[in-house]
Amino acid sequence: MKKSDVISELSRELNLSQKKANEVVDFIFEKMREAIENNNRIEIRGFGTFYVKSYKPRKGRNPKTGEIVSVPPKRLPFFKMGKELKKSLIKE
């Protein structure tokens, strides 16, 4: 599903104009982006959690040459699926 699909669904379900639905979706994504940038977790019960993992600098190896290189610190976004969503996707 693309962002435009979410906007169309929201517009149809809540009887909003496409412009208003777009504003709502943009607002939600902007607030989520701000939270992630500020190193805050976003927890949506029943769906999952978005968070940032920080990695310390380390020594790595260039696989082509075997040369040891310094890998700088980094922050990466992660998503952990909630129990309810996981249950609905993994059927035994």
N, C-alpha and C. Protein backbone atom coordinates (compact mmCIF):
# COMPACT_ATOMS: atom_id res chain seq x y z
N MET A 1 0.85 -1.17 0.00
CA MET A 1 0.00 0.00 0.00
C MET A 1 0.89 1.24 0.00
N LYS A 2 0.58 2.16 -0.86
CA LYS A 2 1.33 3.41 -0.97
C LYS A 2 0.63 4.50 -0.17
N LYS A 3 1.34 5.59 0.05
CA LYS A 3 0.78 6.72 0.78
C LYS A 3 -0.49 7.22 0.09
N SER A 4 -0.48 7.27 -1.22
CA SER A 4 -1.67 7.74 -1.96
C SER A 4 -2.86 6.82 -1.72
N ASP A 5 -2.60 5.52 -1.54
CA ASP A 5 -3.68 4.57 -1.24
C ASP A 5 -4.28 4.85 0.14
N VAL A 6 -3.41 5.15 1.10
CA VAL A 6 -3.88 5.47 2.46
C VAL A 6 -4.73 6.73 2.42
N ILE A 7 -4.29 7.73 1.67
CA ILE A 7 -5.04 8.98 1.55
C ILE A 7 -6.41 8.73 0.92
N SER A 8 -6.44 7.93 -0.13
CA SER A 8 -7.72 7.62 -0.79
C SER A 8 -8.67 6.88 0.14
N GLU A 9 -8.14 5.89 0.88
CA GLU A 9 -8.96 5.12 1.82
C GLU A 9 -9.51 6.02 2.93
N LEU A 10 -8.64 6.88 3.48
CA LEU A 10 -9.05 7.78 4.54
C LEU A 10 -10.13 8.74 4.04
N SER A 11 -9.93 9.26 2.86
CA SER A 11 -10.90 10.17 2.26
C SER A 11 -12.26 9.50 2.09
N ARG A 12 -12.25 8.27 1.59
CA ARG A 12 -13.49 7.53 1.34
C ARG A 12 -14.17 7.13 2.65
N GLU A 13 -13.39 6.56 3.59
CA GLU A 13 -13.96 6.05 4.85
C GLU A 13 -14.55 7.16 5.73
N LEU A 14 -13.85 8.30 5.79
CA LEU A 14 -14.29 9.38 6.69
C LEU A 14 -15.00 10.51 5.95
N ASN A 15 -15.24 10.31 4.66
CA ASN A 15 -15.92 11.31 3.85
C ASN A 15 -15.21 12.66 3.91
N LEU A 16 -13.88 12.63 3.73
CA LEU A 16 -13.07 13.84 3.71
C LEU A 16 -12.66 14.15 2.27
N SER A 17 -12.30 15.39 2.03
CA SER A 17 -11.74 15.71 0.72
C SER A 17 -10.35 15.09 0.62
N GLN A 18 -9.89 14.88 -0.60
CA GLN A 18 -8.54 14.33 -0.79
C GLN A 18 -7.50 15.25 -0.15
N LYS A 19 -7.71 16.56 -0.26
CA LYS A 19 -6.76 17.53 0.30
C LYS A 19 -6.69 17.40 1.82
N LYS A 20 -7.85 17.29 2.48
CA LYS A 20 -7.89 17.18 3.93
C LYS A 20 -7.28 15.85 4.39
N ALA A 21 -7.59 14.78 3.68
CA ALA A 21 -7.03 13.46 4.00
C ALA A 21 -5.51 13.49 3.85
N ASN A 22 -5.02 14.16 2.82
CA ASN A 22 -3.58 14.29 2.60
C ASN A 22 -2.93 15.05 3.76
N GLU A 23 -3.58 16.12 4.22
CA GLU A 23 -3.06 16.90 5.34
C GLU A 23 -2.98 16.04 6.61
N VAL A 24 -3.99 15.22 6.86
CA VAL A 24 -4.01 14.36 8.04
C VAL A 24 -2.86 13.35 7.98
N VAL A 25 -2.70 12.68 6.84
CA VAL A 25 -1.64 11.68 6.68
C VAL A 25 -0.27 12.35 6.80
N ASP A 26 -0.08 13.51 6.16
CA ASP A 26 1.19 14.22 6.26
C ASP A 26 1.50 14.61 7.70
N PHE A 27 0.46 15.05 8.43
CA PHE A 27 0.64 15.44 9.83
C PHE A 27 1.12 14.25 10.66
N ILE A 28 0.48 13.12 10.49
CA ILE A 28 0.85 11.91 11.26
C ILE A 28 2.29 11.50 10.95
N PHE A 29 2.63 11.44 9.65
CA PHE A 29 3.99 11.05 9.28
C PHE A 29 5.03 12.06 9.77
N GLU A 30 4.70 13.34 9.75
CA GLU A 30 5.63 14.36 10.23
C GLU A 30 5.88 14.21 11.73
N LYS A 31 4.84 13.95 12.49
CA LYS A 31 5.00 13.76 13.94
C LYS A 31 5.81 12.50 14.24
N MET A 32 5.60 11.45 13.44
CA MET A 32 6.38 10.22 13.62
C MET A 32 7.84 10.48 13.29
N ARG A 33 8.10 11.22 12.21
CA ARG A 33 9.48 11.55 11.82
C ARG A 33 10.17 12.36 12.92
N GLU A 34 9.46 13.35 13.47
CA GLU A 34 10.03 14.18 14.54
C GLU A 34 10.37 13.32 15.76
N ALA A 35 9.49 12.41 16.12
CA ALA A 35 9.73 11.55 17.28
C ALA A 35 10.97 10.69 17.06
N ILE A 36 11.08 10.09 15.87
CA ILE A 36 12.25 9.25 15.57
C ILE A 36 13.52 10.07 15.59
N GLU A 37 13.49 11.29 14.99
CA GLU A 37 14.67 12.16 14.99
C GLU A 37 15.11 12.51 16.41
N ASN A 38 14.14 12.64 17.32
CA ASN A 38 14.44 12.99 18.71
C ASN A 38 14.70 11.77 19.58
N ASN A 39 14.90 10.63 18.92
CA ASN A 39 15.25 9.38 19.60
C ASN A 39 14.14 8.87 20.52
N ASN A 40 12.89 9.19 20.18
CA ASN A 40 11.74 8.70 20.95
C ASN A 40 11.16 7.47 20.27
N ARG A 41 10.60 6.58 21.07
CA ARG A 41 9.91 5.40 20.53
C ARG A 41 8.50 5.80 20.13
N ILE A 42 7.98 5.14 19.11
CA ILE A 42 6.59 5.31 18.71
C ILE A 42 5.93 3.95 18.90
N GLU A 43 5.02 3.88 19.85
CA GLU A 43 4.36 2.61 20.13
C GLU A 43 2.89 2.70 19.73
N ILE A 44 2.48 1.82 18.82
CA ILE A 44 1.09 1.75 18.39
C ILE A 44 0.58 0.39 18.84
N ARG A 45 -0.19 0.38 19.92
CA ARG A 45 -0.67 -0.88 20.52
C ARG A 45 -1.38 -1.74 19.49
N GLY A 46 -1.03 -3.00 19.48
CA GLY A 46 -1.64 -3.95 18.56
C GLY A 46 -0.97 -3.97 17.19
N PHE A 47 -0.13 -2.97 16.90
CA PHE A 47 0.53 -2.89 15.60
C PHE A 47 2.03 -3.11 15.74
N GLY A 48 2.69 -2.25 16.52
CA GLY A 48 4.12 -2.42 16.71
C GLY A 48 4.78 -1.16 17.23
N THR A 49 6.12 -1.21 17.28
CA THR A 49 6.91 -0.11 17.82
C THR A 49 8.01 0.28 16.83
N PHE A 50 8.13 1.58 16.61
CA PHE A 50 9.22 2.13 15.81
C PHE A 50 10.23 2.73 16.78
N TYR A 51 11.50 2.47 16.55
CA TYR A 51 12.54 3.03 17.42
C TYR A 51 13.85 3.12 16.66
N VAL A 52 14.82 3.81 17.28
CA VAL A 52 16.13 4.00 16.67
C VAL A 52 17.16 3.23 17.49
N LYS A 53 17.99 2.47 16.80
CA LYS A 53 19.11 1.78 17.45
C LYS A 53 20.38 2.55 17.14
N SER A 54 21.19 2.76 18.16
CA SER A 54 22.47 3.44 17.98
C SER A 54 23.60 2.42 18.02
N TYR A 55 24.54 2.59 17.13
CA TYR A 55 25.70 1.72 17.06
C TYR A 55 26.96 2.53 17.31
N LYS A 56 27.85 1.99 18.13
CA LYS A 56 29.11 2.66 18.44
C LYS A 56 30.08 2.50 17.27
N PRO A 57 31.08 3.37 17.21
CA PRO A 57 32.09 3.18 16.16
C PRO A 57 32.84 1.88 16.40
N ARG A 58 33.33 1.28 15.32
CA ARG A 58 34.03 0.01 15.46
C ARG A 58 35.04 -0.15 14.34
N LYS A 59 35.84 -1.16 14.46
CA LYS A 59 36.79 -1.51 13.41
C LYS A 59 36.16 -2.58 12.54
N GLY A 60 36.22 -2.39 11.23
CA GLY A 60 35.68 -3.35 10.30
C GLY A 60 36.75 -3.76 9.31
N ARG A 61 36.38 -4.58 8.36
CA ARG A 61 37.34 -5.06 7.38
C ARG A 61 36.74 -4.91 5.99
N ASN A 62 37.53 -4.34 5.08
CA ASN A 62 37.12 -4.25 3.69
C ASN A 62 37.18 -5.66 3.11
N PRO A 63 36.04 -6.22 2.68
CA PRO A 63 36.05 -7.60 2.21
C PRO A 63 36.85 -7.81 0.93
N LYS A 64 37.01 -6.78 0.15
CA LYS A 64 37.74 -6.89 -1.10
C LYS A 64 39.26 -6.95 -0.88
N THR A 65 39.76 -6.05 0.00
CA THR A 65 41.21 -5.94 0.21
C THR A 65 41.68 -6.55 1.52
N GLY A 66 40.76 -6.75 2.46
CA GLY A 66 41.14 -7.27 3.77
C GLY A 66 41.66 -6.18 4.69
N GLU A 67 41.71 -4.95 4.21
CA GLU A 67 42.23 -3.82 4.98
C GLU A 67 41.27 -3.49 6.13
N ILE A 68 41.83 -3.17 7.31
CA ILE A 68 41.01 -2.77 8.46
C ILE A 68 40.62 -1.31 8.29
N VAL A 69 39.33 -1.04 8.48
CA VAL A 69 38.81 0.32 8.33
C VAL A 69 38.00 0.69 9.56
N SER A 70 37.90 2.00 9.80
CA SER A 70 37.07 2.49 10.91
C SER A 70 35.65 2.68 10.40
N VAL A 71 34.70 2.12 11.13
CA VAL A 71 33.29 2.29 10.79
C VAL A 71 32.73 3.33 11.77
N PRO A 72 32.19 4.44 11.26
CA PRO A 72 31.70 5.50 12.15
C PRO A 72 30.44 5.07 12.91
N PRO A 73 30.11 5.80 13.99
CA PRO A 73 28.86 5.49 14.70
C PRO A 73 27.67 5.77 13.79
N LYS A 74 26.58 5.07 14.04
CA LYS A 74 25.40 5.30 13.22
C LYS A 74 24.14 5.03 14.01
N ARG A 75 23.04 5.57 13.50
CA ARG A 75 21.70 5.35 14.08
C ARG A 75 20.82 4.83 12.97
N LEU A 76 20.10 3.74 13.24
CA LEU A 76 19.23 3.15 12.23
C LEU A 76 17.83 2.95 12.79
N PRO A 77 16.79 3.22 11.97
CA PRO A 77 15.42 3.01 12.42
C PRO A 77 15.05 1.53 12.36
N PHE A 78 14.24 1.09 13.32
CA PHE A 78 13.77 -0.29 13.38
C PHE A 78 12.28 -0.32 13.67
N PHE A 79 11.65 -1.43 13.30
CA PHE A 79 10.25 -1.67 13.60
C PHE A 79 10.13 -3.05 14.22
N LYS A 80 9.46 -3.11 15.37
CA LYS A 80 9.20 -4.40 16.01
C LYS A 80 7.69 -4.62 16.01
N MET A 81 7.29 -5.72 15.39
CA MET A 81 5.89 -6.06 15.23
C MET A 81 5.25 -6.35 16.59
N GLY A 82 4.01 -5.87 16.78
CA GLY A 82 3.25 -6.13 18.00
C GLY A 82 2.71 -7.55 18.01
N LYS A 83 2.36 -8.04 19.19
CA LYS A 83 1.87 -9.42 19.34
C LYS A 83 0.62 -9.69 18.51
N GLU A 84 -0.33 -8.76 18.53
CA GLU A 84 -1.58 -8.97 17.80
C GLU A 84 -1.35 -9.06 16.30
N LEU A 85 -0.51 -8.18 15.77
CA LEU A 85 -0.20 -8.21 14.34
C LEU A 85 0.54 -9.48 13.98
N LYS A 86 1.48 -9.85 14.81
CA LYS A 86 2.26 -11.07 14.56
C LYS A 86 1.34 -12.30 14.54
N LYS A 87 0.41 -12.35 15.51
CA LYS A 87 -0.54 -13.46 15.56
C LYS A 87 -1.39 -13.54 14.31
N SER A 88 -1.83 -12.39 13.81
CA SER A 88 -2.69 -12.39 12.63
C SER A 88 -1.94 -12.78 11.36
N LEU A 89 -0.63 -12.58 11.35
CA LEU A 89 0.16 -12.91 10.16
C LEU A 89 0.71 -14.32 10.19
N ILE A 90 1.03 -14.82 11.38
CA ILE A 90 1.63 -16.15 11.52
C ILE A 90 0.56 -17.10 12.04
N LYS A 91 -0.01 -17.84 11.14
CA LYS A 91 -1.06 -18.80 11.52
C LYS A 91 -0.49 -20.19 11.56
N GLU A 92 -0.79 -20.87 12.61
CA GLU A 92 -0.25 -22.23 12.77
C GLU A 92 -1.18 -23.26 12.19
